[in-house]
Amino acid sequence: MLKNLFWVFVGNLIGSVLYGVLYWLATSVTGTENNLGAIEQMIVTVAEKKTIGYAQNGAAGFFSSFVKAILCNWMVCMGVVMALTSKSTIGKVITAGIPIFIFFALGYEHAVVNMFVIPTGMLFGANVTLSDWWLYNQLIVTLGNIVGGLLFTGIAIYYTYSKQQESPVAGLQKVA
């Protein structure tokens, strides 16, 4: 599992940064134009808020990003679980989308989203260094996402579905 988690993390990192570079190349006319549009300015602002914004608050900033990451991946995992409750495609889209919308609307922290937003913001001129990205966001958010998915969804599902239930017939075990 750890090997798979490692490769998923690396793949998401490569894909997110590559997409950010391509986006920067496309919107900045390969770096020749510095006029930031509204979206690019928002990416810069968000990148700074997600790194140096937390750093300015010290331990409270770290704890805040960690808790936001826990809540975020709880919502992401619930989106996956809720999609399994529907048989229709539209039902799956809606049930998966609601928790994703919640984490996005509430400004929670997702490691993969940040793999795109922060380096892309840096390309557009955000006042963020590589160490700011990794020390003030990526590492703590990744840990928080793991805790959120593991504790609030994974362990709950394991506990719920791994127990043997008593059969109505005395002495027989019914496996859930």
N, C-alpha and C. Protein backbone atom coordinates (compact mmCIF):
# COMPACT_ATOMS: atom_id res chain seq x y z
N MET A 1 0.83 -1.19 0.00
CA MET A 1 0.00 0.00 0.00
C MET A 1 0.88 1.26 0.00
N LEU A 2 1.94 1.27 0.81
CA LEU A 2 2.81 2.45 0.85
C LEU A 2 3.50 2.68 -0.48
N LYS A 3 3.87 1.60 -1.16
CA LYS A 3 4.49 1.74 -2.48
C LYS A 3 3.50 2.37 -3.45
N ASN A 4 2.27 1.88 -3.44
CA ASN A 4 1.24 2.45 -4.31
C ASN A 4 0.97 3.91 -3.96
N LEU A 5 0.90 4.23 -2.67
CA LEU A 5 0.67 5.61 -2.24
C LEU A 5 1.81 6.51 -2.73
N PHE A 6 3.04 6.02 -2.65
CA PHE A 6 4.18 6.77 -3.12
C PHE A 6 4.06 7.08 -4.61
N TRP A 7 3.74 6.07 -5.41
CA TRP A 7 3.67 6.26 -6.86
C TRP A 7 2.47 7.12 -7.26
N VAL A 8 1.38 7.01 -6.55
CA VAL A 8 0.23 7.88 -6.81
C VAL A 8 0.60 9.32 -6.50
N PHE A 9 1.30 9.54 -5.38
CA PHE A 9 1.74 10.89 -5.01
C PHE A 9 2.67 11.46 -6.08
N VAL A 10 3.66 10.69 -6.50
CA VAL A 10 4.61 11.15 -7.51
C VAL A 10 3.90 11.42 -8.83
N GLY A 11 2.99 10.53 -9.24
CA GLY A 11 2.25 10.74 -10.48
C GLY A 11 1.40 11.99 -10.44
N ASN A 12 0.71 12.21 -9.31
CA ASN A 12 -0.09 13.42 -9.16
C ASN A 12 0.79 14.67 -9.17
N LEU A 13 1.94 14.59 -8.53
CA LEU A 13 2.85 15.73 -8.50
C LEU A 13 3.35 16.07 -9.91
N ILE A 14 3.79 15.07 -10.64
CA ILE A 14 4.28 15.30 -12.00
C ILE A 14 3.16 15.85 -12.89
N GLY A 15 2.00 15.23 -12.84
CA GLY A 15 0.88 15.68 -13.67
C GLY A 15 0.41 17.07 -13.32
N SER A 16 0.34 17.39 -12.03
CA SER A 16 -0.12 18.71 -11.59
C SER A 16 0.85 19.81 -11.99
N VAL A 17 2.14 19.56 -11.76
CA VAL A 17 3.15 20.57 -12.12
C VAL A 17 3.22 20.72 -13.64
N LEU A 18 3.15 19.61 -14.36
CA LEU A 18 3.17 19.68 -15.83
C LEU A 18 1.98 20.49 -16.35
N TYR A 19 0.80 20.24 -15.81
CA TYR A 19 -0.37 21.00 -16.22
C TYR A 19 -0.19 22.48 -15.89
N GLY A 20 0.35 22.77 -14.71
CA GLY A 20 0.60 24.17 -14.34
C GLY A 20 1.57 24.85 -15.27
N VAL A 21 2.64 24.15 -15.65
CA VAL A 21 3.61 24.71 -16.60
C VAL A 21 2.95 24.97 -17.94
N LEU A 22 2.18 24.01 -18.43
CA LEU A 22 1.50 24.19 -19.72
C LEU A 22 0.49 25.33 -19.64
N TYR A 23 -0.22 25.44 -18.53
CA TYR A 23 -1.17 26.54 -18.36
C TYR A 23 -0.43 27.87 -18.38
N TRP A 24 0.69 27.95 -17.66
CA TRP A 24 1.50 29.17 -17.64
C TRP A 24 2.00 29.51 -19.03
N LEU A 25 2.50 28.50 -19.77
CA LEU A 25 2.99 28.73 -21.13
C LEU A 25 1.88 29.27 -22.03
N ALA A 26 0.69 28.70 -21.89
CA ALA A 26 -0.43 29.09 -22.74
C ALA A 26 -0.93 30.50 -22.41
N THR A 27 -1.06 30.82 -21.13
CA THR A 27 -1.67 32.10 -20.76
C THR A 27 -0.68 33.25 -20.70
N SER A 28 0.61 32.95 -20.58
CA SER A 28 1.60 34.03 -20.54
C SER A 28 2.31 34.17 -21.88
N VAL A 29 1.80 33.49 -22.90
CA VAL A 29 2.41 33.47 -24.23
C VAL A 29 3.89 33.09 -24.07
N THR A 30 4.07 31.91 -23.51
CA THR A 30 5.39 31.32 -23.21
C THR A 30 6.29 32.25 -22.42
N GLY A 31 5.69 32.94 -21.46
CA GLY A 31 6.46 33.78 -20.57
C GLY A 31 6.78 35.17 -21.07
N THR A 32 6.24 35.54 -22.22
CA THR A 32 6.56 36.86 -22.79
C THR A 32 5.62 37.96 -22.31
N GLU A 33 4.47 37.59 -21.78
CA GLU A 33 3.52 38.59 -21.28
C GLU A 33 3.38 38.45 -19.77
N ASN A 34 3.44 39.56 -19.08
CA ASN A 34 3.31 39.55 -17.63
C ASN A 34 1.97 40.07 -17.15
N ASN A 35 1.06 40.39 -18.06
CA ASN A 35 -0.25 40.90 -17.68
C ASN A 35 -1.08 39.74 -17.15
N LEU A 36 -1.31 39.74 -15.84
CA LEU A 36 -2.09 38.67 -15.25
C LEU A 36 -3.57 38.96 -15.36
N GLY A 37 -4.31 37.96 -15.84
CA GLY A 37 -5.75 38.06 -15.86
C GLY A 37 -6.30 37.77 -14.47
N ALA A 38 -7.59 37.81 -14.34
CA ALA A 38 -8.23 37.59 -13.03
C ALA A 38 -7.93 36.20 -12.49
N ILE A 39 -7.95 35.20 -13.33
CA ILE A 39 -7.70 33.83 -12.88
C ILE A 39 -6.26 33.67 -12.43
N GLU A 40 -5.34 34.19 -13.22
CA GLU A 40 -3.92 34.07 -12.88
C GLU A 40 -3.61 34.83 -11.59
N GLN A 41 -4.20 36.01 -11.41
CA GLN A 41 -4.00 36.77 -10.17
C GLN A 41 -4.57 36.01 -8.98
N MET A 42 -5.71 35.37 -9.17
CA MET A 42 -6.31 34.58 -8.10
C MET A 42 -5.39 33.41 -7.73
N ILE A 43 -4.77 32.76 -8.72
CA ILE A 43 -3.85 31.65 -8.45
C ILE A 43 -2.65 32.15 -7.64
N VAL A 44 -2.13 33.32 -7.98
CA VAL A 44 -1.01 33.90 -7.23
C VAL A 44 -1.42 34.16 -5.78
N THR A 45 -2.57 34.78 -5.60
CA THR A 45 -3.07 35.10 -4.26
C THR A 45 -3.28 33.84 -3.43
N VAL A 46 -3.89 32.85 -4.04
CA VAL A 46 -4.15 31.59 -3.33
C VAL A 46 -2.84 30.89 -2.97
N ALA A 47 -1.88 30.87 -3.89
CA ALA A 47 -0.59 30.24 -3.61
C ALA A 47 0.09 30.89 -2.42
N GLU A 48 0.04 32.22 -2.35
CA GLU A 48 0.65 32.93 -1.22
C GLU A 48 -0.11 32.68 0.08
N LYS A 49 -1.42 32.67 0.00
CA LYS A 49 -2.23 32.44 1.20
C LYS A 49 -2.01 31.03 1.75
N LYS A 50 -1.84 30.04 0.85
CA LYS A 50 -1.69 28.65 1.26
C LYS A 50 -0.28 28.33 1.77
N THR A 51 0.64 29.26 1.68
CA THR A 51 2.01 29.00 2.13
C THR A 51 2.44 30.05 3.15
N ILE A 52 2.84 31.21 2.65
CA ILE A 52 3.34 32.23 3.56
C ILE A 52 2.23 32.77 4.47
N GLY A 53 0.99 32.64 4.03
CA GLY A 53 -0.13 33.04 4.88
C GLY A 53 -0.20 32.17 6.13
N TYR A 54 -0.01 30.86 5.96
CA TYR A 54 0.02 29.97 7.12
C TYR A 54 1.28 30.20 7.94
N ALA A 55 2.41 30.40 7.26
CA ALA A 55 3.68 30.58 7.96
C ALA A 55 3.64 31.80 8.88
N GLN A 56 2.97 32.84 8.47
CA GLN A 56 2.88 34.06 9.28
C GLN A 56 2.16 33.82 10.61
N ASN A 57 1.34 32.78 10.65
CA ASN A 57 0.60 32.47 11.88
C ASN A 57 1.28 31.40 12.73
N GLY A 58 2.48 30.99 12.33
CA GLY A 58 3.25 30.04 13.13
C GLY A 58 2.54 28.71 13.35
N ALA A 59 2.58 28.23 14.58
CA ALA A 59 1.99 26.93 14.92
C ALA A 59 0.49 26.91 14.64
N ALA A 60 -0.17 28.02 14.88
CA ALA A 60 -1.62 28.09 14.61
C ALA A 60 -1.89 27.92 13.11
N GLY A 61 -1.02 28.47 12.27
CA GLY A 61 -1.16 28.31 10.82
C GLY A 61 -0.96 26.87 10.40
N PHE A 62 0.06 26.22 10.97
CA PHE A 62 0.29 24.81 10.67
C PHE A 62 -0.90 23.96 11.09
N PHE A 63 -1.39 24.20 12.30
CA PHE A 63 -2.52 23.43 12.81
C PHE A 63 -3.77 23.66 11.97
N SER A 64 -3.99 24.92 11.57
CA SER A 64 -5.14 25.24 10.73
C SER A 64 -5.09 24.49 9.40
N SER A 65 -3.93 24.50 8.75
CA SER A 65 -3.82 23.80 7.46
C SER A 65 -3.98 22.29 7.65
N PHE A 66 -3.48 21.76 8.75
CA PHE A 66 -3.62 20.33 9.04
C PHE A 66 -5.09 19.96 9.22
N VAL A 67 -5.82 20.75 10.00
CA VAL A 67 -7.25 20.47 10.23
C VAL A 67 -8.05 20.64 8.94
N LYS A 68 -7.73 21.68 8.15
CA LYS A 68 -8.41 21.86 6.86
C LYS A 68 -8.14 20.68 5.93
N ALA A 69 -6.95 20.11 6.01
CA ALA A 69 -6.61 18.95 5.19
C ALA A 69 -7.37 17.72 5.64
N ILE A 70 -7.51 17.55 6.95
CA ILE A 70 -8.30 16.42 7.47
C ILE A 70 -9.73 16.52 6.98
N LEU A 71 -10.33 17.70 7.16
CA LEU A 71 -11.72 17.90 6.74
C LEU A 71 -11.88 17.71 5.23
N CYS A 72 -10.89 18.16 4.48
CA CYS A 72 -10.95 18.06 3.03
C CYS A 72 -11.01 16.60 2.59
N ASN A 73 -10.07 15.81 3.07
CA ASN A 73 -10.05 14.43 2.57
C ASN A 73 -11.20 13.60 3.13
N TRP A 74 -11.74 14.01 4.25
CA TRP A 74 -12.96 13.37 4.74
C TRP A 74 -14.06 13.60 3.70
N MET A 75 -14.18 14.83 3.21
CA MET A 75 -15.19 15.12 2.19
C MET A 75 -14.90 14.39 0.88
N VAL A 76 -13.63 14.35 0.46
CA VAL A 76 -13.28 13.66 -0.78
C VAL A 76 -13.64 12.18 -0.68
N CYS A 77 -13.27 11.56 0.43
CA CYS A 77 -13.57 10.13 0.61
C CYS A 77 -15.08 9.89 0.69
N MET A 78 -15.79 10.81 1.33
CA MET A 78 -17.25 10.66 1.38
C MET A 78 -17.86 10.79 -0.02
N GLY A 79 -17.26 11.60 -0.87
CA GLY A 79 -17.72 11.69 -2.25
C GLY A 79 -17.59 10.34 -2.95
N VAL A 80 -16.51 9.66 -2.73
CA VAL A 80 -16.31 8.34 -3.33
C VAL A 80 -17.32 7.34 -2.77
N VAL A 81 -17.47 7.33 -1.45
CA VAL A 81 -18.40 6.39 -0.82
C VAL A 81 -19.83 6.69 -1.24
N MET A 82 -20.20 7.96 -1.25
CA MET A 82 -21.56 8.32 -1.62
C MET A 82 -21.86 7.96 -3.07
N ALA A 83 -20.88 8.08 -3.95
CA ALA A 83 -21.09 7.71 -5.35
C ALA A 83 -21.41 6.22 -5.47
N LEU A 84 -20.90 5.42 -4.56
CA LEU A 84 -21.18 3.98 -4.58
C LEU A 84 -22.61 3.65 -4.19
N THR A 85 -23.31 4.63 -3.62
CA THR A 85 -24.68 4.38 -3.18
C THR A 85 -25.70 4.51 -4.29
N SER A 86 -25.30 4.99 -5.44
CA SER A 86 -26.23 5.19 -6.55
C SER A 86 -25.91 4.23 -7.69
N LYS A 87 -26.94 3.84 -8.40
CA LYS A 87 -26.75 2.98 -9.56
C LYS A 87 -26.72 3.78 -10.86
N SER A 88 -27.26 4.99 -10.84
CA SER A 88 -27.31 5.80 -12.05
C SER A 88 -26.08 6.69 -12.17
N THR A 89 -25.72 7.03 -13.38
CA THR A 89 -24.56 7.90 -13.61
C THR A 89 -24.81 9.28 -13.02
N ILE A 90 -25.97 9.85 -13.25
CA ILE A 90 -26.26 11.19 -12.73
C ILE A 90 -26.27 11.18 -11.21
N GLY A 91 -26.77 10.09 -10.62
CA GLY A 91 -26.75 9.96 -9.16
C GLY A 91 -25.34 9.91 -8.62
N LYS A 92 -24.47 9.19 -9.32
CA LYS A 92 -23.06 9.11 -8.91
C LYS A 92 -22.38 10.46 -9.02
N VAL A 93 -22.66 11.19 -10.09
CA VAL A 93 -22.06 12.51 -10.29
C VAL A 93 -22.52 13.46 -9.18
N ILE A 94 -23.79 13.47 -8.90
CA ILE A 94 -24.32 14.38 -7.88
C ILE A 94 -23.80 14.02 -6.50
N THR A 95 -23.87 12.74 -6.14
CA THR A 95 -23.43 12.35 -4.80
C THR A 95 -21.93 12.52 -4.60
N ALA A 96 -21.15 12.32 -5.64
CA ALA A 96 -19.71 12.55 -5.53
C ALA A 96 -19.41 14.04 -5.51
N GLY A 97 -20.19 14.80 -6.24
CA GLY A 97 -19.93 16.23 -6.37
C GLY A 97 -20.24 17.06 -5.15
N ILE A 98 -21.24 16.66 -4.38
CA ILE A 98 -21.64 17.46 -3.21
C ILE A 98 -20.50 17.62 -2.20
N PRO A 99 -19.87 16.54 -1.74
CA PRO A 99 -18.77 16.73 -0.79
C PRO A 99 -17.57 17.44 -1.40
N ILE A 100 -17.32 17.24 -2.70
CA ILE A 100 -16.22 17.94 -3.36
C ILE A 100 -16.51 19.44 -3.39
N PHE A 101 -17.74 19.80 -3.69
CA PHE A 101 -18.15 21.21 -3.67
C PHE A 101 -17.96 21.79 -2.27
N ILE A 102 -18.32 21.01 -1.25
CA ILE A 102 -18.18 21.48 0.13
C ILE A 102 -16.73 21.81 0.44
N PHE A 103 -15.80 20.89 0.12
CA PHE A 103 -14.40 21.16 0.46
C PHE A 103 -13.86 22.35 -0.31
N PHE A 104 -14.28 22.50 -1.54
CA PHE A 104 -13.80 23.62 -2.34
C PHE A 104 -14.38 24.94 -1.82
N ALA A 105 -15.69 24.95 -1.56
CA ALA A 105 -16.37 26.17 -1.12
C ALA A 105 -15.88 26.63 0.25
N LEU A 106 -15.51 25.70 1.11
CA LEU A 106 -15.08 26.07 2.46
C LEU A 106 -13.58 26.33 2.56
N GLY A 107 -12.87 26.20 1.45
CA GLY A 107 -11.45 26.54 1.44
C GLY A 107 -10.57 25.52 2.13
N TYR A 108 -10.96 24.26 2.12
CA TYR A 108 -10.14 23.23 2.74
C TYR A 108 -8.90 22.96 1.89
N GLU A 109 -7.98 22.20 2.44
CA GLU A 109 -6.68 21.96 1.81
C GLU A 109 -6.58 20.54 1.24
N HIS A 110 -6.31 20.44 -0.04
CA HIS A 110 -6.12 19.15 -0.69
C HIS A 110 -4.74 19.11 -1.32
N ALA A 111 -3.97 18.08 -1.00
CA ALA A 111 -2.57 17.98 -1.45
C ALA A 111 -2.45 18.04 -2.97
N VAL A 112 -3.33 17.34 -3.68
CA VAL A 112 -3.21 17.30 -5.14
C VAL A 112 -3.60 18.64 -5.75
N VAL A 113 -4.62 19.29 -5.23
CA VAL A 113 -4.98 20.63 -5.72
C VAL A 113 -3.79 21.58 -5.52
N ASN A 114 -3.16 21.48 -4.36
CA ASN A 114 -2.04 22.36 -4.05
C ASN A 114 -0.82 22.06 -4.91
N MET A 115 -0.70 20.83 -5.42
CA MET A 115 0.39 20.49 -6.33
C MET A 115 0.27 21.26 -7.64
N PHE A 116 -0.92 21.71 -7.95
CA PHE A 116 -1.14 22.55 -9.13
C PHE A 116 -1.09 24.02 -8.77
N VAL A 117 -1.87 24.42 -7.78
CA VAL A 117 -2.06 25.84 -7.48
C VAL A 117 -0.76 26.53 -7.06
N ILE A 118 -0.02 25.93 -6.16
CA ILE A 118 1.15 26.63 -5.61
C ILE A 118 2.27 26.77 -6.64
N PRO A 119 2.70 25.71 -7.32
CA PRO A 119 3.76 25.94 -8.31
C PRO A 119 3.30 26.81 -9.48
N THR A 120 2.04 26.72 -9.85
CA THR A 120 1.53 27.57 -10.92
C THR A 120 1.55 29.03 -10.47
N GLY A 121 1.15 29.28 -9.23
CA GLY A 121 1.24 30.63 -8.68
C GLY A 121 2.67 31.13 -8.68
N MET A 122 3.61 30.26 -8.37
CA MET A 122 5.03 30.63 -8.39
C MET A 122 5.45 31.04 -9.80
N LEU A 123 4.99 30.30 -10.79
CA LEU A 123 5.33 30.64 -12.18
C LEU A 123 4.79 32.02 -12.56
N PHE A 124 3.63 32.37 -12.02
CA PHE A 124 3.03 33.67 -12.31
C PHE A 124 3.53 34.78 -11.39
N GLY A 125 4.50 34.47 -10.54
CA GLY A 125 5.13 35.52 -9.74
C GLY A 125 4.77 35.56 -8.27
N ALA A 126 4.11 34.52 -7.75
CA ALA A 126 3.80 34.51 -6.32
C ALA A 126 5.10 34.58 -5.51
N ASN A 127 5.05 35.25 -4.40
CA ASN A 127 6.21 35.41 -3.52
C ASN A 127 6.36 34.15 -2.65
N VAL A 128 6.57 33.02 -3.31
CA VAL A 128 6.63 31.72 -2.64
C VAL A 128 7.86 30.98 -3.18
N THR A 129 8.62 30.38 -2.28
CA THR A 129 9.76 29.57 -2.69
C THR A 129 9.39 28.09 -2.64
N LEU A 130 10.26 27.26 -3.19
CA LEU A 130 10.03 25.81 -3.11
C LEU A 130 9.94 25.35 -1.66
N SER A 131 10.81 25.88 -0.81
CA SER A 131 10.75 25.47 0.60
C SER A 131 9.46 25.97 1.26
N ASP A 132 8.99 27.16 0.89
CA ASP A 132 7.70 27.64 1.41
C ASP A 132 6.60 26.66 1.04
N TRP A 133 6.59 26.24 -0.22
CA TRP A 133 5.56 25.32 -0.71
C TRP A 133 5.57 24.03 0.10
N TRP A 134 6.74 23.42 0.25
CA TRP A 134 6.81 22.11 0.88
C TRP A 134 6.72 22.18 2.40
N LEU A 135 7.36 23.16 3.02
CA LEU A 135 7.38 23.22 4.48
C LEU A 135 6.09 23.80 5.07
N TYR A 136 5.51 24.79 4.40
CA TYR A 136 4.35 25.46 4.96
C TYR A 136 3.03 24.93 4.42
N ASN A 137 3.09 24.00 3.45
CA ASN A 137 1.83 23.48 2.92
C ASN A 137 1.90 22.00 2.57
N GLN A 138 2.66 21.64 1.55
CA GLN A 138 2.53 20.32 0.95
C GLN A 138 2.70 19.16 1.93
N LEU A 139 3.71 19.21 2.77
CA LEU A 139 3.94 18.10 3.71
C LEU A 139 2.84 18.00 4.75
N ILE A 140 2.49 19.11 5.39
CA ILE A 140 1.47 19.08 6.44
C ILE A 140 0.09 18.77 5.86
N VAL A 141 -0.20 19.27 4.68
CA VAL A 141 -1.49 18.99 4.05
C VAL A 141 -1.58 17.52 3.62
N THR A 142 -0.50 16.99 3.09
CA THR A 142 -0.51 15.57 2.73
C THR A 142 -0.78 14.71 3.95
N LEU A 143 -0.12 15.01 5.06
CA LEU A 143 -0.36 14.25 6.30
C LEU A 143 -1.81 14.40 6.76
N GLY A 144 -2.32 15.61 6.71
CA GLY A 144 -3.71 15.84 7.11
C GLY A 144 -4.69 15.10 6.21
N ASN A 145 -4.43 15.09 4.90
CA ASN A 145 -5.30 14.33 3.98
C ASN A 145 -5.28 12.85 4.30
N ILE A 146 -4.11 12.32 4.62
CA ILE A 146 -4.01 10.90 4.97
C ILE A 146 -4.80 10.62 6.25
N VAL A 147 -4.65 11.46 7.25
CA VAL A 147 -5.38 11.28 8.51
C VAL A 147 -6.89 11.37 8.26
N GLY A 148 -7.32 12.36 7.48
CA GLY A 148 -8.75 12.52 7.22
C GLY A 148 -9.35 11.33 6.50
N GLY A 149 -8.67 10.85 5.48
CA GLY A 149 -9.19 9.70 4.75
C GLY A 149 -9.14 8.42 5.56
N LEU A 150 -8.07 8.26 6.30
CA LEU A 150 -7.88 7.04 7.09
C LEU A 150 -8.82 7.00 8.29
N LEU A 151 -8.82 8.03 9.10
CA LEU A 151 -9.61 8.01 10.34
C LEU A 151 -11.10 8.16 10.11
N PHE A 152 -11.48 9.16 9.33
CA PHE A 152 -12.90 9.48 9.24
C PHE A 152 -13.66 8.65 8.21
N THR A 153 -12.95 8.02 7.31
CA THR A 153 -13.65 7.19 6.33
C THR A 153 -13.13 5.76 6.35
N GLY A 154 -11.84 5.58 6.15
CA GLY A 154 -11.28 4.23 6.05
C GLY A 154 -11.52 3.36 7.26
N ILE A 155 -11.18 3.86 8.43
CA ILE A 155 -11.36 3.07 9.65
C ILE A 155 -12.85 2.86 9.94
N ALA A 156 -13.65 3.87 9.69
CA ALA A 156 -15.09 3.73 9.92
C ALA A 156 -15.68 2.65 9.01
N ILE A 157 -15.29 2.63 7.76
CA ILE A 157 -15.78 1.58 6.84
C ILE A 157 -15.25 0.22 7.25
N TYR A 158 -13.98 0.17 7.59
CA TYR A 158 -13.40 -1.11 8.04
C TYR A 158 -14.13 -1.63 9.26
N TYR A 159 -14.32 -0.77 10.24
CA TYR A 159 -14.99 -1.19 11.47
C TYR A 159 -16.42 -1.62 11.19
N THR A 160 -17.12 -0.91 10.34
CA THR A 160 -18.52 -1.21 10.05
C THR A 160 -18.68 -2.53 9.30
N TYR A 161 -17.80 -2.79 8.34
CA TYR A 161 -18.01 -3.94 7.47
C TYR A 161 -17.10 -5.13 7.75
N SER A 162 -16.21 -5.03 8.71
CA SER A 162 -15.32 -6.16 8.96
C SER A 162 -15.79 -7.04 10.10
N LYS A 163 -16.75 -6.60 10.86
CA LYS A 163 -17.25 -7.37 12.00
C LYS A 163 -18.18 -8.49 11.53
N GLN A 164 -18.08 -9.60 12.23
CA GLN A 164 -19.03 -10.67 11.96
C GLN A 164 -20.29 -10.41 12.76
N GLN A 165 -21.42 -10.67 12.14
CA GLN A 165 -22.69 -10.45 12.80
C GLN A 165 -23.27 -11.79 13.24
N GLU A 166 -23.99 -11.75 14.35
CA GLU A 166 -24.65 -12.96 14.82
C GLU A 166 -25.78 -13.35 13.87
N SER A 167 -25.86 -14.61 13.56
CA SER A 167 -26.94 -15.11 12.72
C SER A 167 -28.19 -15.27 13.56
N PRO A 168 -29.37 -15.14 12.94
CA PRO A 168 -30.61 -15.37 13.70
C PRO A 168 -30.69 -16.80 14.25
N VAL A 169 -29.98 -17.73 13.58
CA VAL A 169 -29.96 -19.12 14.04
C VAL A 169 -28.83 -19.24 15.05
N ALA A 170 -29.14 -19.69 16.26
CA ALA A 170 -28.14 -19.73 17.34
C ALA A 170 -26.91 -20.53 16.93
N GLY A 171 -25.73 -19.94 17.22
CA GLY A 171 -24.49 -20.65 16.98
C GLY A 171 -23.88 -20.44 15.61
N LEU A 172 -24.63 -19.92 14.65
CA LEU A 172 -24.11 -19.69 13.31
C LEU A 172 -23.60 -18.25 13.18
N GLN A 173 -22.51 -18.09 12.49
CA GLN A 173 -21.98 -16.76 12.25
C GLN A 173 -22.31 -16.31 10.81
N LYS A 174 -22.76 -15.12 10.67
CA LYS A 174 -23.06 -14.56 9.37
C LYS A 174 -22.01 -13.50 9.08
N VAL A 175 -21.29 -13.64 7.97
CA VAL A 175 -20.26 -12.67 7.61
C VAL A 175 -20.89 -11.56 6.80
N ALA A 176 -20.62 -10.34 7.21
CA ALA A 176 -21.20 -9.18 6.52
C ALA A 176 -20.54 -8.95 5.20
